[in-house]
Amino acid sequence: MGAAENQQVDQPGPESGASGRILRLEPGAPSTSGNTGRMRRRRRMPGLALLPSALTLGNAVCGLAALMELMHGFAAAAAGRGDEVALRLGYAAMLVGGGMLFDAMDGKVARMTATTGRFGAELDSLCDALTFGVTPALMIRVGGGFFFASEAYDSKILWAVASLYACCAILRLARFNVETGEDDDHTTFSGLPSPAAAATICAMFLGLTWMRENVADMDGVFWRWVLRVLIPGVGALVGLMMVTRIRYVHVFNRFVSRKQSLRTLVVILLVGAVVVIFADHWRLLVTIAMLGYFLSGPIYYLYRIMRGRGLLGRRMAVAERIRLREERNRKAATKD
């Protein structure tokens, strides 16, 4: 009896392994002692899809490189080198665009190779939070400080707006993971998607750098007061639009992944012709395009309200259809 007791004391406890690390317990596993706790098996992560994961990490690398460019821009602004700040802002915006390209490709590749999974979705959200959440937030701070911030009060406003934007982007990504199912057709978004929000912020600063080169007196008092309202206002509005329920169209899935009419093809050709003609002013074109996409959601929402197709009208129409269907079923049952 004593030997058995000594042997039982020398053995590791039911919740720790031989190395002393705590083991996770699972209800279905047997226990090594008479305690009520039971051994759990460690859940191992399944094999990784190499190509989609590499594309997703490319998104994160672009976001990290953009953050480095913004750090250099912040140092250049402190040293009074305005041309370098504008150049760094442009580089950061293009790197965010590269992150958008990786973000668009990884999901397509995963679906084409039938390697979609929970790990890929979580990894994609983490990389999106870096590239489309943190990077545009820092861009608001650095770009606003370069274009108009001259007092400590301006810096506080920019930090507040940057924090608001980053928090809204993270909340948007978390909500998307919870609400989006595997059978979703991904033709529309509920709220402004985070890549489009980041592109809107980048496009705003690309347009401002273009104006700085082509518009006289951009450093004057008038423009500084305009930008003092415009940059924080746009940054806060874009951040809040990510957590709304306003519907936005998934441009790629709506116009590229599906068959289109001849009229759509003609419109695309006209847009391509405009891009070729004004290619030298591509920064302005990007600004106009992203501003149009950003405003498309609220404009369509107001249009639905004006046509009686808002949320209340939709619910009333659904209730009316249910009532008519039940009435037809009752009449059919009566006839039988």
Protein backbone atom coordinates (compact mmCIF):
# COMPACT_ATOMS: atom_id res chain seq x y z
CA MET A 1 0.00 0.00 0.00
CA GLY A 2 2.80 2.42 0.86
CA ALA A 3 4.66 1.62 -2.38
CA ALA A 4 1.53 2.29 -4.37
CA GLU A 5 1.07 5.60 -2.60
CA ASN A 6 4.70 6.58 -3.28
CA GLN A 7 4.28 5.68 -6.94
CA GLN A 8 1.15 7.76 -7.14
CA VAL A 9 2.90 10.77 -5.60
CA ASP A 10 5.85 10.52 -8.01
CA GLN A 11 3.61 10.57 -11.08
CA PRO A 12 2.67 13.97 -12.58
CA GLY A 13 -0.75 15.34 -11.68
CA PRO A 14 -3.76 14.90 -13.88
CA GLU A 15 -3.51 18.44 -15.23
CA SER A 16 0.23 18.58 -15.98
CA GLY A 17 2.53 16.64 -18.25
CA ALA A 18 5.97 15.23 -17.60
CA SER A 19 7.54 18.58 -18.52
CA GLY A 20 5.36 20.41 -16.03
CA ARG A 21 3.22 22.14 -18.69
CA ILE A 22 -0.52 22.32 -18.11
CA LEU A 23 -2.52 19.99 -20.33
CA ARG A 24 -5.91 20.99 -21.69
CA LEU A 25 -8.71 18.68 -20.59
CA GLU A 26 -11.46 17.33 -22.79
CA PRO A 27 -14.66 15.75 -21.44
CA GLY A 28 -14.40 12.61 -23.54
CA ALA A 29 -10.82 11.67 -22.62
CA PRO A 30 -9.99 9.27 -19.74
CA SER A 31 -8.31 10.52 -16.57
CA THR A 32 -5.06 9.17 -15.10
CA SER A 33 -6.23 9.66 -11.53
CA GLY A 34 -9.39 9.39 -9.50
CA ASN A 35 -10.13 13.15 -9.81
CA THR A 36 -13.17 14.36 -11.73
CA GLY A 37 -11.00 16.18 -14.29
CA ARG A 38 -10.32 14.36 -17.52
CA MET A 39 -7.49 14.61 -19.98
CA ARG A 40 -8.11 16.61 -23.10
CA ARG A 41 -6.42 16.13 -26.39
CA ARG A 42 -4.58 19.05 -27.86
CA ARG A 43 -6.27 20.28 -30.98
CA ARG A 44 -3.74 20.59 -33.76
CA MET A 45 -4.09 23.06 -36.58
CA PRO A 46 -4.72 21.39 -39.96
CA GLY A 47 -2.25 21.70 -42.82
CA LEU A 48 -1.84 25.15 -44.34
CA ALA A 49 -2.79 26.16 -47.86
CA LEU A 50 0.60 27.47 -48.96
CA LEU A 51 -0.26 29.73 -51.91
CA PRO A 52 -3.31 31.53 -50.40
CA SER A 53 -1.49 31.99 -47.09
CA ALA A 54 1.55 33.41 -48.89
CA LEU A 55 -0.67 35.88 -50.75
CA THR A 56 -2.34 36.91 -47.51
CA LEU A 57 1.05 37.47 -45.88
CA GLY A 58 2.00 39.57 -48.91
CA ASN A 59 -0.84 41.85 -47.86
CA ALA A 60 0.73 42.16 -44.41
CA VAL A 61 4.16 42.88 -45.89
CA CYS A 62 2.68 45.70 -47.98
CA GLY A 63 1.03 47.14 -44.89
CA LEU A 64 4.28 46.98 -42.92
CA ALA A 65 6.21 48.65 -45.74
CA ALA A 66 3.58 51.39 -45.90
CA LEU A 67 3.94 51.97 -42.16
CA MET A 68 7.70 52.36 -42.60
CA GLU A 69 7.16 54.90 -45.37
CA LEU A 70 4.82 56.86 -43.12
CA MET A 71 7.41 56.81 -40.34
CA HIS A 72 9.96 58.29 -42.75
CA GLY A 73 7.35 60.84 -43.80
CA PHE A 74 6.70 61.83 -40.19
CA ALA A 75 10.44 62.38 -39.65
CA ALA A 76 10.69 64.40 -42.87
CA ALA A 77 7.77 66.58 -41.80
CA ALA A 78 9.50 67.30 -38.49
CA ALA A 79 12.62 68.31 -40.44
CA GLY A 80 10.64 70.56 -42.80
CA ARG A 81 11.25 68.53 -45.97
CA GLY A 82 7.84 68.93 -47.62
CA ASP A 83 8.64 67.27 -50.95
CA GLU A 84 9.86 64.13 -49.22
CA VAL A 85 6.70 63.95 -47.10
CA ALA A 86 4.51 64.09 -50.23
CA LEU A 87 6.66 61.41 -51.83
CA ARG A 88 6.41 59.13 -48.79
CA LEU A 89 2.64 59.56 -48.66
CA GLY A 90 2.43 58.51 -52.31
CA TYR A 91 4.60 55.45 -51.70
CA ALA A 92 2.48 54.44 -48.70
CA ALA A 93 -0.72 54.82 -50.74
CA MET A 94 0.65 52.64 -53.54
CA LEU A 95 1.74 49.99 -51.03
CA VAL A 96 -1.79 49.92 -49.61
CA GLY A 97 -2.97 49.43 -53.19
CA GLY A 98 -0.59 46.48 -53.45
CA GLY A 99 -2.11 45.08 -50.26
CA MET A 100 -5.55 45.37 -51.86
CA LEU A 101 -4.30 43.36 -54.84
CA PHE A 102 -2.99 40.59 -52.57
CA ASP A 103 -6.22 40.67 -50.57
CA ALA A 104 -8.28 40.26 -53.74
CA MET A 105 -6.16 37.37 -55.01
CA ASP A 106 -5.86 35.21 -51.88
CA GLY A 107 -9.58 34.50 -51.60
CA LYS A 108 -9.89 33.73 -55.31
CA VAL A 109 -6.92 31.37 -55.21
CA ALA A 110 -8.23 29.65 -52.09
CA ARG A 111 -11.61 29.03 -53.74
CA MET A 112 -10.02 27.89 -57.00
CA THR A 113 -7.79 25.39 -55.19
CA ALA A 114 -10.54 24.35 -52.72
CA THR A 115 -8.34 25.26 -49.74
CA THR A 116 -10.63 27.65 -47.91
CA GLY A 117 -10.73 27.28 -44.14
CA ARG A 118 -11.00 28.98 -40.78
CA PHE A 119 -7.26 29.59 -40.54
CA GLY A 120 -7.21 31.49 -43.82
CA ALA A 121 -10.14 33.66 -42.77
CA GLU A 122 -8.53 34.56 -39.43
CA LEU A 123 -5.16 35.25 -41.05
CA ASP A 124 -6.82 37.45 -43.66
CA SER A 125 -8.55 39.52 -40.96
CA LEU A 126 -5.32 40.05 -39.02
CA CYS A 127 -3.48 41.20 -42.15
CA ASP A 128 -6.39 43.44 -43.14
CA ALA A 129 -6.34 45.04 -39.70
CA LEU A 130 -2.70 45.99 -40.28
CA THR A 131 -2.91 47.16 -43.90
CA PHE A 132 -6.43 48.63 -44.00
CA GLY A 133 -6.84 49.64 -40.35
CA VAL A 134 -3.58 50.76 -38.78
CA THR A 135 -1.87 52.10 -41.91
CA PRO A 136 -4.64 54.50 -43.04
CA ALA A 137 -5.05 55.66 -39.43
CA LEU A 138 -1.37 56.61 -39.27
CA MET A 139 -1.68 58.19 -42.71
CA ILE A 140 -4.40 60.48 -41.36
CA ARG A 141 -2.05 61.58 -38.60
CA VAL A 142 1.03 62.05 -40.78
CA GLY A 143 -0.80 63.59 -43.74
CA GLY A 144 -2.89 65.90 -41.59
CA GLY A 145 0.19 67.01 -39.70
CA PHE A 146 1.92 67.80 -42.99
CA PHE A 147 -0.93 69.71 -44.65
CA PHE A 148 -2.37 71.82 -41.85
CA ALA A 149 -1.40 70.89 -38.26
CA SER A 150 0.34 73.85 -36.65
CA GLU A 151 -0.87 73.63 -33.05
CA ALA A 152 -1.07 70.96 -30.37
CA TYR A 153 -4.87 71.13 -30.68
CA ASP A 154 -4.64 69.99 -34.32
CA SER A 155 -2.46 67.03 -33.36
CA LYS A 156 -4.96 65.93 -30.70
CA ILE A 157 -7.80 66.04 -33.22
CA LEU A 158 -5.79 64.00 -35.72
CA TRP A 159 -4.88 61.37 -33.12
CA ALA A 160 -8.54 61.11 -32.07
CA VAL A 161 -9.70 60.67 -35.68
CA ALA A 162 -6.94 58.14 -36.39
CA SER A 163 -7.91 56.13 -33.30
CA LEU A 164 -11.58 56.24 -34.31
CA TYR A 165 -10.77 55.02 -37.80
CA ALA A 166 -8.58 52.15 -36.57
CA CYS A 167 -11.19 51.00 -34.04
CA CYS A 168 -13.97 51.10 -36.64
CA ALA A 169 -11.85 49.08 -39.08
CA ILE A 170 -11.16 46.40 -36.46
CA LEU A 171 -14.85 46.26 -35.50
CA ARG A 172 -15.79 46.02 -39.18
CA LEU A 173 -13.49 43.04 -39.72
CA ALA A 174 -14.76 41.27 -36.59
CA ARG A 175 -18.38 41.78 -37.63
CA PHE A 176 -17.64 40.53 -41.13
CA ASN A 177 -16.17 37.29 -39.77
CA VAL A 178 -19.17 36.69 -37.52
CA GLU A 179 -21.93 37.53 -39.99
CA THR A 180 -20.54 36.16 -43.25
CA GLY A 181 -21.35 32.52 -44.01
CA GLU A 182 -19.70 30.11 -46.40
CA ASP A 183 -22.68 30.29 -48.79
CA ASP A 184 -22.51 34.09 -49.11
CA ASP A 185 -22.32 35.18 -52.76
CA HIS A 186 -20.18 38.25 -51.83
CA THR A 187 -21.96 40.53 -54.30
CA THR A 188 -22.66 43.24 -51.71
CA PHE A 189 -21.19 44.43 -48.42
CA SER A 190 -23.02 45.57 -45.31
CA GLY A 191 -21.12 48.76 -44.61
CA LEU A 192 -18.09 50.17 -46.37
CA PRO A 193 -15.49 47.36 -46.72
CA SER A 194 -12.16 48.03 -45.03
CA PRO A 195 -10.05 47.83 -48.25
CA ALA A 196 -12.29 50.42 -49.90
CA ALA A 197 -12.13 52.62 -46.78
CA ALA A 198 -8.33 52.46 -46.81
CA ALA A 199 -8.31 53.22 -50.54
CA THR A 200 -10.53 56.24 -49.91
CA ILE A 201 -8.11 57.63 -47.32
CA CYS A 202 -5.14 56.97 -49.60
CA ALA A 203 -6.95 58.52 -52.57
CA MET A 204 -7.69 61.65 -50.54
CA PHE A 205 -4.00 62.19 -49.84
CA LEU A 206 -3.02 61.34 -53.41
CA GLY A 207 -5.42 64.03 -54.57
CA LEU A 208 -4.01 66.51 -52.05
CA THR A 209 -0.45 65.84 -53.18
CA TRP A 210 -1.60 66.40 -56.79
CA MET A 211 -3.23 69.68 -55.77
CA ARG A 212 -0.07 70.73 -53.94
CA GLU A 213 1.84 70.42 -57.21
CA ASN A 214 -0.78 71.94 -59.51
CA VAL A 215 -2.78 74.44 -57.43
CA ALA A 216 -1.26 77.70 -56.37
CA ASP A 217 -1.27 78.87 -52.76
CA MET A 218 -1.90 75.41 -51.27
CA ASP A 219 0.19 76.51 -48.30
CA GLY A 220 -1.95 79.60 -47.76
CA VAL A 221 -4.21 80.32 -44.82
CA PHE A 222 -7.43 79.57 -46.74
CA TRP A 223 -6.44 76.06 -47.80
CA ARG A 224 -5.08 75.27 -44.36
CA TRP A 225 -8.46 76.04 -42.81
CA VAL A 226 -10.24 74.01 -45.49
CA LEU A 227 -8.00 71.00 -44.86
CA ARG A 228 -8.32 71.46 -41.11
CA VAL A 229 -12.00 70.55 -41.56
CA LEU A 230 -11.74 68.26 -44.58
CA ILE A 231 -9.11 65.74 -43.46
CA PRO A 232 -10.49 64.97 -39.96
CA GLY A 233 -14.06 65.07 -41.27
CA VAL A 234 -13.41 62.63 -44.12
CA GLY A 235 -11.34 60.35 -41.88
CA ALA A 236 -14.05 60.15 -39.23
CA LEU A 237 -16.85 59.72 -41.79
CA VAL A 238 -15.05 56.93 -43.64
CA GLY A 239 -14.38 55.14 -40.36
CA LEU A 240 -18.00 55.35 -39.27
CA MET A 241 -19.27 54.18 -42.65
CA MET A 242 -17.48 50.87 -42.10
CA VAL A 243 -19.72 50.02 -39.14
CA THR A 244 -23.00 51.07 -40.74
CA ARG A 245 -25.49 48.81 -42.55
CA ILE A 246 -25.42 50.78 -45.79
CA ARG A 247 -25.05 48.44 -48.73
CA TYR A 248 -22.01 48.63 -51.02
CA VAL A 249 -21.45 46.68 -54.22
CA HIS A 250 -18.59 44.21 -54.55
CA VAL A 251 -17.22 45.62 -57.80
CA PHE A 252 -15.10 42.64 -58.82
CA ASN A 253 -17.74 39.98 -58.17
CA ARG A 254 -20.52 42.07 -59.67
CA PHE A 255 -18.84 43.20 -62.90
CA VAL A 256 -15.94 40.79 -63.50
CA SER A 257 -16.99 37.38 -62.19
CA ARG A 258 -20.38 37.45 -63.92
CA LYS A 259 -21.63 37.80 -67.47
CA GLN A 260 -22.49 41.38 -68.40
CA SER A 261 -24.58 43.10 -71.04
CA LEU A 262 -23.19 44.91 -74.07
CA ARG A 263 -24.02 48.25 -72.46
CA THR A 264 -21.80 47.43 -69.47
CA LEU A 265 -18.95 46.56 -71.81
CA VAL A 266 -19.35 49.89 -73.63
CA VAL A 267 -19.26 51.78 -70.32
CA ILE A 268 -16.10 49.93 -69.27
CA LEU A 269 -14.46 50.81 -72.58
CA LEU A 270 -15.36 54.48 -72.13
CA VAL A 271 -13.92 54.47 -68.62
CA GLY A 272 -10.75 52.86 -69.96
CA ALA A 273 -10.47 55.53 -72.64
CA VAL A 274 -10.78 58.30 -70.02
CA VAL A 275 -8.08 56.63 -67.92
CA VAL A 276 -5.73 56.49 -70.92
CA ILE A 277 -6.36 60.13 -71.85
CA PHE A 278 -5.76 61.45 -68.33
CA ALA A 279 -3.06 58.95 -67.38
CA ASP A 280 -0.67 61.78 -66.47
CA HIS A 281 -3.11 62.84 -63.74
CA TRP A 282 -3.70 59.34 -62.38
CA ARG A 283 -3.71 60.53 -58.78
CA LEU A 284 -6.68 62.76 -59.49
CA LEU A 285 -8.46 59.92 -61.31
CA VAL A 286 -7.96 57.59 -58.35
CA THR A 287 -9.35 60.25 -56.02
CA ILE A 288 -12.45 60.74 -58.17
CA ALA A 289 -13.03 57.00 -58.54
CA MET A 290 -12.77 56.28 -54.81
CA LEU A 291 -14.90 59.30 -53.94
CA GLY A 292 -17.56 58.00 -56.32
CA TYR A 293 -17.49 54.54 -54.75
CA PHE A 294 -17.62 55.98 -51.25
CA LEU A 295 -20.67 58.09 -52.12
CA SER A 296 -22.40 55.30 -54.04
CA GLY A 297 -23.63 53.62 -50.85
CA PRO A 298 -25.32 56.66 -49.26
CA ILE A 299 -26.70 57.82 -52.63
CA TYR A 300 -28.28 54.45 -53.35
CA TYR A 301 -29.61 54.28 -49.79
CA LEU A 302 -31.29 57.68 -50.18
CA TYR A 303 -32.64 56.61 -53.56
CA ARG A 304 -34.26 53.54 -52.00
CA ILE A 305 -35.82 55.68 -49.30
CA MET A 306 -37.18 58.14 -51.86
CA ARG A 307 -38.64 55.29 -53.90
CA GLY A 308 -40.21 53.72 -50.85
CA ARG A 309 -37.71 50.86 -50.79
CA GLY A 310 -36.06 51.58 -47.50
CA LEU A 311 -35.82 49.20 -44.55
CA LEU A 312 -39.38 49.90 -43.35
CA GLY A 313 -40.84 49.57 -46.84
CA ARG A 314 -39.03 46.27 -47.36
CA ARG A 315 -40.37 44.84 -44.11
CA MET A 316 -43.89 45.95 -44.96
CA ALA A 317 -43.63 44.38 -48.41
CA VAL A 318 -42.38 41.11 -46.93
CA ALA A 319 -45.19 41.09 -44.37
CA GLU A 320 -47.73 41.74 -47.12
CA ARG A 321 -46.41 38.86 -49.23
CA ILE A 322 -46.56 36.52 -46.23
CA ARG A 323 -50.16 37.57 -45.54
CA LEU A 324 -51.22 37.01 -49.15
CA ARG A 325 -49.51 33.60 -49.24
CA GLU A 326 -51.22 32.50 -46.05
CA GLU A 327 -54.55 33.69 -47.41
CA ARG A 328 -54.05 31.68 -50.62
CA ASN A 329 -53.13 28.62 -48.59
CA ARG A 330 -56.29 28.97 -46.51
CA LYS A 331 -58.43 29.27 -49.64
CA ALA A 332 -56.77 26.22 -51.17
CA ALA A 333 -57.32 24.23 -47.99
CA THR A 334 -60.98 25.26 -47.94
CA LYS A 335 -61.50 24.11 -51.52
CA ASP A 336 -59.94 20.75 -50.78
